[in-house]
């Protein structure tokens, strides 16, 4: 791995890429007419974990995690990785 590019860098690239790709995907969904191309860009895979509840009698904590990936999110990760390559 290159100097200064640890797991934090990788997580930053993935999170920013998914966020940017998700926003671009929503914009595409608003602008494109109904059809096969719109369906291709907006079809997503959902992964969820939880909810998990930790009950400690005095208080309880409920946590969960969900991830929605589509083709635009994957392209967003690639774009951010390419841009960050030149940043460092």
N, C-alpha and C. Protein backbone atom coordinates (compact mmCIF):
# COMPACT_ATOMS: atom_id res chain seq x y z
N UNK A 1 0.85 -1.17 0.00
CA UNK A 1 0.00 0.00 0.00
C UNK A 1 0.90 1.23 0.00
N UNK A 2 0.49 2.29 -0.68
CA UNK A 2 1.28 3.50 -0.77
C UNK A 2 1.36 4.19 0.59
N UNK A 3 2.42 4.95 0.75
CA UNK A 3 2.65 5.64 2.01
C UNK A 3 1.51 6.62 2.30
N UNK A 4 0.98 6.57 3.53
CA UNK A 4 -0.08 7.49 3.94
C UNK A 4 -1.48 7.08 3.51
N UNK A 5 -1.64 5.93 2.92
CA UNK A 5 -2.96 5.49 2.46
C UNK A 5 -3.36 4.22 3.20
N UNK A 6 -3.90 4.42 4.37
CA UNK A 6 -4.30 3.29 5.19
C UNK A 6 -5.78 3.01 5.04
N UNK A 7 -6.32 2.34 6.05
CA UNK A 7 -7.72 1.95 6.04
C UNK A 7 -8.63 3.16 6.13
N UNK A 8 -8.18 4.22 6.81
CA UNK A 8 -8.98 5.45 6.90
C UNK A 8 -9.18 6.08 5.54
N UNK A 9 -8.12 6.08 4.74
CA UNK A 9 -8.20 6.62 3.38
C UNK A 9 -9.18 5.80 2.54
N UNK A 10 -9.10 4.49 2.64
CA UNK A 10 -9.99 3.62 1.89
C UNK A 10 -11.45 3.83 2.29
N UNK A 11 -11.71 3.92 3.58
CA UNK A 11 -13.08 4.15 4.05
C UNK A 11 -13.60 5.51 3.60
N UNK A 12 -12.74 6.52 3.61
CA UNK A 12 -13.14 7.85 3.14
C UNK A 12 -13.53 7.81 1.67
N UNK A 13 -12.74 7.14 0.85
CA UNK A 13 -13.03 7.02 -0.58
C UNK A 13 -14.36 6.31 -0.80
N UNK A 14 -14.59 5.23 -0.09
CA UNK A 14 -15.82 4.46 -0.28
C UNK A 14 -17.04 5.27 0.17
N UNK A 15 -16.97 5.88 1.34
CA UNK A 15 -18.12 6.63 1.86
C UNK A 15 -18.42 7.84 0.97
N UNK A 16 -17.41 8.61 0.62
CA UNK A 16 -17.64 9.77 -0.25
C UNK A 16 -18.15 9.36 -1.62
N UNK A 17 -17.60 8.28 -2.16
CA UNK A 17 -18.04 7.81 -3.46
C UNK A 17 -19.49 7.36 -3.47
N UNK A 18 -19.88 6.64 -2.43
CA UNK A 18 -21.27 6.18 -2.34
C UNK A 18 -22.22 7.36 -2.16
N UNK A 19 -21.83 8.33 -1.34
CA UNK A 19 -22.67 9.51 -1.14
C UNK A 19 -22.82 10.33 -2.41
N UNK A 20 -21.71 10.60 -3.08
CA UNK A 20 -21.77 11.36 -4.33
C UNK A 20 -22.54 10.60 -5.39
N UNK A 21 -22.29 9.31 -5.50
CA UNK A 21 -23.03 8.49 -6.47
C UNK A 21 -24.52 8.43 -6.17
N UNK A 22 -24.87 8.37 -4.90
CA UNK A 22 -26.29 8.35 -4.52
C UNK A 22 -27.00 9.65 -4.89
N UNK A 23 -26.32 10.77 -4.66
CA UNK A 23 -26.91 12.06 -5.02
C UNK A 23 -27.07 12.18 -6.54
N UNK A 24 -26.04 11.78 -7.27
CA UNK A 24 -26.12 11.83 -8.74
C UNK A 24 -27.21 10.89 -9.24
N UNK A 25 -27.35 9.73 -8.61
CA UNK A 25 -28.40 8.79 -9.00
C UNK A 25 -29.79 9.36 -8.78
N UNK A 26 -29.99 10.06 -7.67
CA UNK A 26 -31.28 10.70 -7.41
C UNK A 26 -31.58 11.79 -8.44
N UNK A 27 -30.55 12.55 -8.81
CA UNK A 27 -30.73 13.59 -9.84
C UNK A 27 -31.09 12.95 -11.17
N UNK A 28 -30.41 11.87 -11.53
CA UNK A 28 -30.74 11.15 -12.77
C UNK A 28 -32.19 10.67 -12.72
N UNK A 29 -32.60 10.16 -11.57
CA UNK A 29 -33.98 9.68 -11.43
C UNK A 29 -35.01 10.77 -11.62
N UNK A 30 -34.68 11.98 -11.22
CA UNK A 30 -35.61 13.10 -11.39
C UNK A 30 -35.64 13.62 -12.83
N UNK A 31 -34.53 13.56 -13.52
CA UNK A 31 -34.42 14.17 -14.84
C UNK A 31 -34.77 13.25 -16.01
N UNK A 32 -34.57 11.95 -15.85
CA UNK A 32 -34.78 11.03 -16.96
C UNK A 32 -36.24 10.59 -17.06
N UNK A 33 -36.71 10.40 -18.29
CA UNK A 33 -38.07 9.86 -18.45
C UNK A 33 -38.09 8.37 -18.08
N UNK A 34 -39.28 7.88 -17.81
CA UNK A 34 -39.45 6.48 -17.43
C UNK A 34 -39.02 5.60 -18.60
N UNK A 35 -38.21 4.59 -18.31
CA UNK A 35 -37.75 3.69 -19.36
C UNK A 35 -36.68 2.74 -18.83
N UNK A 36 -36.10 2.01 -19.76
CA UNK A 36 -35.11 0.99 -19.42
C UNK A 36 -33.83 1.63 -18.88
N UNK A 37 -33.41 2.73 -19.47
CA UNK A 37 -32.17 3.37 -19.03
C UNK A 37 -32.30 3.90 -17.61
N UNK A 38 -33.41 4.52 -17.30
CA UNK A 38 -33.65 5.00 -15.94
C UNK A 38 -33.68 3.83 -14.96
N UNK A 39 -34.32 2.75 -15.34
CA UNK A 39 -34.38 1.55 -14.50
C UNK A 39 -32.99 0.98 -14.26
N UNK A 40 -32.14 0.99 -15.29
CA UNK A 40 -30.77 0.49 -15.16
C UNK A 40 -29.98 1.31 -14.14
N UNK A 41 -30.07 2.62 -14.23
CA UNK A 41 -29.30 3.48 -13.34
C UNK A 41 -29.84 3.48 -11.91
N UNK A 42 -31.11 3.25 -11.72
CA UNK A 42 -31.70 3.35 -10.40
C UNK A 42 -31.93 2.02 -9.70
N UNK A 43 -31.75 0.91 -10.38
CA UNK A 43 -31.89 -0.38 -9.73
C UNK A 43 -30.80 -0.54 -8.69
N UNK A 44 -31.17 -0.94 -7.50
CA UNK A 44 -30.19 -1.00 -6.42
C UNK A 44 -30.27 -2.32 -5.68
N UNK A 45 -29.19 -2.60 -4.97
CA UNK A 45 -29.10 -3.77 -4.11
C UNK A 45 -29.08 -3.26 -2.68
N UNK A 46 -29.99 -3.74 -1.86
CA UNK A 46 -30.08 -3.32 -0.47
C UNK A 46 -29.51 -4.39 0.45
N UNK A 47 -28.68 -3.96 1.38
CA UNK A 47 -28.14 -4.85 2.41
C UNK A 47 -28.41 -4.20 3.76
N UNK A 48 -28.98 -4.98 4.67
CA UNK A 48 -29.31 -4.43 5.98
C UNK A 48 -28.85 -5.36 7.08
N UNK A 49 -28.42 -4.75 8.17
CA UNK A 49 -28.03 -5.48 9.35
C UNK A 49 -28.79 -4.89 10.53
N UNK A 50 -29.53 -5.69 11.21
CA UNK A 50 -30.23 -5.20 12.39
C UNK A 50 -31.71 -5.08 12.15
N UNK A 51 -32.41 -4.46 13.00
CA UNK A 51 -31.93 -3.75 14.18
C UNK A 51 -31.55 -4.71 15.30
N UNK A 52 -30.53 -4.32 16.04
CA UNK A 52 -30.05 -5.07 17.19
C UNK A 52 -30.32 -4.22 18.43
N UNK A 53 -30.93 -4.82 19.43
CA UNK A 53 -31.26 -4.07 20.64
C UNK A 53 -30.43 -4.59 21.81
N UNK A 54 -29.82 -3.66 22.53
CA UNK A 54 -29.08 -3.95 23.74
C UNK A 54 -29.87 -3.35 24.90
N UNK A 55 -30.46 -4.22 25.72
CA UNK A 55 -31.30 -3.77 26.83
C UNK A 55 -30.53 -3.93 28.13
N UNK A 56 -30.21 -2.81 28.78
CA UNK A 56 -29.46 -2.82 30.03
C UNK A 56 -30.31 -2.43 31.23
N UNK A 57 -31.57 -2.70 31.16
CA UNK A 57 -32.56 -2.46 32.19
C UNK A 57 -32.78 -0.97 32.47
N UNK A 58 -31.74 -0.18 32.65
CA UNK A 58 -31.89 1.25 32.89
C UNK A 58 -32.11 2.00 31.57
N UNK A 59 -31.52 1.51 30.53
CA UNK A 59 -31.71 2.10 29.21
C UNK A 59 -31.47 1.02 28.16
N UNK A 60 -31.93 1.29 26.96
CA UNK A 60 -31.70 0.35 25.86
C UNK A 60 -31.21 1.11 24.64
N UNK A 61 -30.41 0.42 23.85
CA UNK A 61 -29.85 0.98 22.63
C UNK A 61 -30.26 0.08 21.48
N UNK A 62 -30.78 0.69 20.42
CA UNK A 62 -31.13 -0.04 19.21
C UNK A 62 -30.30 0.50 18.06
N UNK A 63 -29.60 -0.39 17.37
CA UNK A 63 -28.75 0.01 16.26
C UNK A 63 -29.05 -0.85 15.04
N UNK A 64 -28.81 -0.27 13.90
CA UNK A 64 -28.95 -0.98 12.65
C UNK A 64 -28.10 -0.33 11.59
N UNK A 65 -27.92 -1.01 10.48
CA UNK A 65 -27.08 -0.51 9.39
C UNK A 65 -27.71 -0.94 8.08
N UNK A 66 -27.81 -0.02 7.16
CA UNK A 66 -28.34 -0.33 5.85
C UNK A 66 -27.48 0.28 4.77
N UNK A 67 -27.36 -0.40 3.65
CA UNK A 67 -26.55 0.06 2.53
C UNK A 67 -27.33 -0.18 1.24
N UNK A 68 -27.41 0.85 0.42
CA UNK A 68 -28.09 0.73 -0.87
C UNK A 68 -27.09 1.10 -1.96
N UNK A 69 -26.74 0.15 -2.79
CA UNK A 69 -25.78 0.36 -3.86
C UNK A 69 -26.47 0.25 -5.21
N UNK A 70 -26.13 1.18 -6.10
CA UNK A 70 -26.56 1.07 -7.48
C UNK A 70 -25.37 1.37 -8.38
N UNK A 71 -25.55 1.30 -9.67
CA UNK A 71 -24.44 1.46 -10.60
C UNK A 71 -23.82 2.85 -10.49
N UNK A 72 -24.63 3.85 -10.22
CA UNK A 72 -24.11 5.21 -10.10
C UNK A 72 -23.27 5.35 -8.83
N UNK A 73 -23.62 4.65 -7.77
CA UNK A 73 -22.81 4.67 -6.55
C UNK A 73 -21.44 4.04 -6.79
N UNK A 74 -21.42 2.96 -7.52
CA UNK A 74 -20.15 2.31 -7.86
C UNK A 74 -19.30 3.24 -8.72
N UNK A 75 -19.92 3.91 -9.68
CA UNK A 75 -19.19 4.88 -10.50
C UNK A 75 -18.70 6.05 -9.64
N UNK A 76 -19.47 6.44 -8.64
CA UNK A 76 -19.06 7.49 -7.73
C UNK A 76 -17.82 7.10 -6.93
N UNK A 77 -17.75 5.86 -6.48
CA UNK A 77 -16.57 5.37 -5.76
C UNK A 77 -15.36 5.40 -6.68
N UNK A 78 -15.53 4.97 -7.92
CA UNK A 78 -14.42 5.00 -8.88
C UNK A 78 -13.96 6.44 -9.15
N UNK A 79 -14.90 7.37 -9.28
CA UNK A 79 -14.57 8.76 -9.53
C UNK A 79 -13.81 9.37 -8.36
N UNK A 80 -14.28 9.14 -7.14
CA UNK A 80 -13.61 9.69 -5.96
C UNK A 80 -12.23 9.06 -5.79
N UNK A 81 -12.10 7.77 -6.04
CA UNK A 81 -10.80 7.12 -5.94
C UNK A 81 -9.83 7.72 -6.96
N UNK A 82 -10.31 7.99 -8.16
CA UNK A 82 -9.46 8.60 -9.19
C UNK A 82 -9.04 10.01 -8.78
N UNK A 83 -9.98 10.80 -8.26
CA UNK A 83 -9.66 12.16 -7.84
C UNK A 83 -8.73 12.18 -6.63
N UNK A 84 -8.94 11.28 -5.66
CA UNK A 84 -8.08 11.22 -4.49
C UNK A 84 -6.68 10.72 -4.85
N UNK A 85 -6.57 10.00 -5.92
CA UNK A 85 -5.26 9.52 -6.36
C UNK A 85 -4.34 10.70 -6.64
N UNK A 86 -4.90 11.76 -7.18
CA UNK A 86 -4.10 12.94 -7.51
C UNK A 86 -4.00 13.90 -6.33
N UNK A 87 -4.83 13.73 -5.32
CA UNK A 87 -4.83 14.61 -4.15
C UNK A 87 -3.62 14.38 -3.26
N UNK A 88 -3.26 13.13 -3.07
CA UNK A 88 -2.15 12.80 -2.15
C UNK A 88 -0.86 12.61 -2.89
